[in-house]
Amino acid sequence: MFYLVASRSTSGKHVPWINSFTSTITDACLDHQQLSQRLHVYGLYEVRISGDGNCQFYAISGELYMSSKHVQKVVVKQACTLYFRH
């Protein structure tokens, strides 16, 4: 289960919140099933993305361009362009 905490700051310092409860495999499967059902209600679906460190780029690219590799190509092209200009 996931719980949202509105605010737990003390004197302006960030205090990390650590789960003391570890979900069981059964709980995790039930949570995933519930998420899938909620996505289905809105006509959405889960897309698996490789966890190679670029998953945020892939997710954003997939939403904007319907291709998980588009943003990566653009970033590499811009990086190369900047490199050769300087």
Protein backbone atom coordinates (compact mmCIF):
# COMPACT_ATOMS: atom_id res chain seq x y z
CA MET A 1 0.00 0.00 0.00
CA PHE A 2 1.12 3.55 -0.64
CA TYR A 3 0.26 6.44 1.61
CA LEU A 4 0.55 10.14 0.87
CA VAL A 5 1.90 12.40 3.56
CA ALA A 6 0.98 16.07 3.21
CA SER A 7 3.82 17.65 5.14
CA ARG A 8 6.30 16.37 7.65
CA SER A 9 8.91 19.08 7.55
CA THR A 10 10.56 20.19 10.76
CA SER A 11 12.24 23.58 10.90
CA GLY A 12 12.58 23.71 7.11
CA LYS A 13 14.75 20.61 6.87
CA HIS A 14 13.79 17.72 4.64
CA VAL A 15 13.10 14.62 6.70
CA PRO A 16 13.04 11.48 4.54
CA TRP A 17 10.15 9.15 5.15
CA ILE A 18 11.18 5.51 5.28
CA ASN A 19 8.70 2.68 4.91
CA SER A 20 8.94 0.32 7.82
CA PHE A 21 6.49 -2.02 6.11
CA THR A 22 7.55 -4.12 3.14
CA SER A 23 4.74 -5.27 0.87
CA THR A 24 4.36 -8.93 0.15
CA ILE A 25 4.35 -10.26 -3.39
CA THR A 26 0.59 -10.79 -3.08
CA ASP A 27 0.04 -7.16 -2.02
CA ALA A 28 2.21 -5.92 -4.88
CA CYS A 29 0.29 -8.04 -7.40
CA LEU A 30 -3.05 -6.81 -6.06
CA ASP A 31 -1.86 -3.19 -6.21
CA HIS A 32 -0.70 -3.68 -9.80
CA GLN A 33 -4.00 -5.29 -10.74
CA GLN A 34 -5.92 -2.39 -9.19
CA LEU A 35 -3.75 0.12 -11.08
CA SER A 36 -4.37 -1.75 -14.34
CA GLN A 37 -8.11 -1.64 -13.73
CA ARG A 38 -8.03 2.09 -13.04
CA LEU A 39 -6.01 2.73 -16.18
CA HIS A 40 -8.51 0.69 -18.20
CA VAL A 41 -11.39 2.86 -16.92
CA TYR A 42 -9.73 5.90 -18.52
CA GLY A 43 -8.71 4.12 -21.70
CA LEU A 44 -5.05 4.03 -20.70
CA TYR A 45 -2.59 1.17 -20.53
CA GLU A 46 0.77 0.35 -19.03
CA VAL A 47 3.84 0.42 -21.22
CA ARG A 48 6.98 -1.33 -20.04
CA ILE A 49 10.14 0.70 -20.47
CA SER A 50 13.66 -0.60 -20.13
CA GLY A 51 15.34 0.42 -16.91
CA ASP A 52 18.68 1.48 -18.39
CA GLY A 53 18.83 4.89 -16.74
CA ASN A 54 16.98 6.67 -19.54
CA CYS A 55 13.50 5.58 -18.52
CA GLN A 56 12.28 9.15 -17.85
CA PHE A 57 13.35 10.21 -21.37
CA TYR A 58 11.62 7.16 -22.82
CA ALA A 59 8.41 7.81 -20.90
CA ILE A 60 8.21 11.48 -21.89
CA SER A 61 9.10 10.68 -25.48
CA GLY A 62 6.49 7.96 -25.61
CA GLU A 63 3.80 10.36 -24.41
CA LEU A 64 4.77 13.22 -26.71
CA TYR A 65 5.93 11.47 -29.87
CA MET A 66 4.54 7.91 -29.62
CA SER A 67 8.12 6.68 -29.84
CA SER A 68 10.24 5.91 -26.82
CA LYS A 69 13.49 6.61 -28.68
CA HIS A 70 12.65 10.04 -30.19
CA VAL A 71 13.78 12.20 -27.25
CA GLN A 72 17.02 10.26 -26.89
CA LYS A 73 17.85 10.91 -30.56
CA VAL A 74 17.09 14.62 -30.18
CA VAL A 75 19.21 14.93 -27.02
CA VAL A 76 22.17 13.15 -28.62
CA LYS A 77 21.90 15.33 -31.73
CA GLN A 78 21.80 18.53 -29.66
CA ALA A 79 24.72 17.39 -27.50
CA CYS A 80 26.82 16.65 -30.58
CA THR A 81 25.90 20.00 -32.14
CA LEU A 82 26.91 21.88 -28.99
CA TYR A 83 30.13 19.89 -28.70
CA PHE A 84 31.24 20.70 -32.25
CA ARG A 85 30.32 24.40 -31.93
CA HIS A 86 32.71 24.86 -29.00
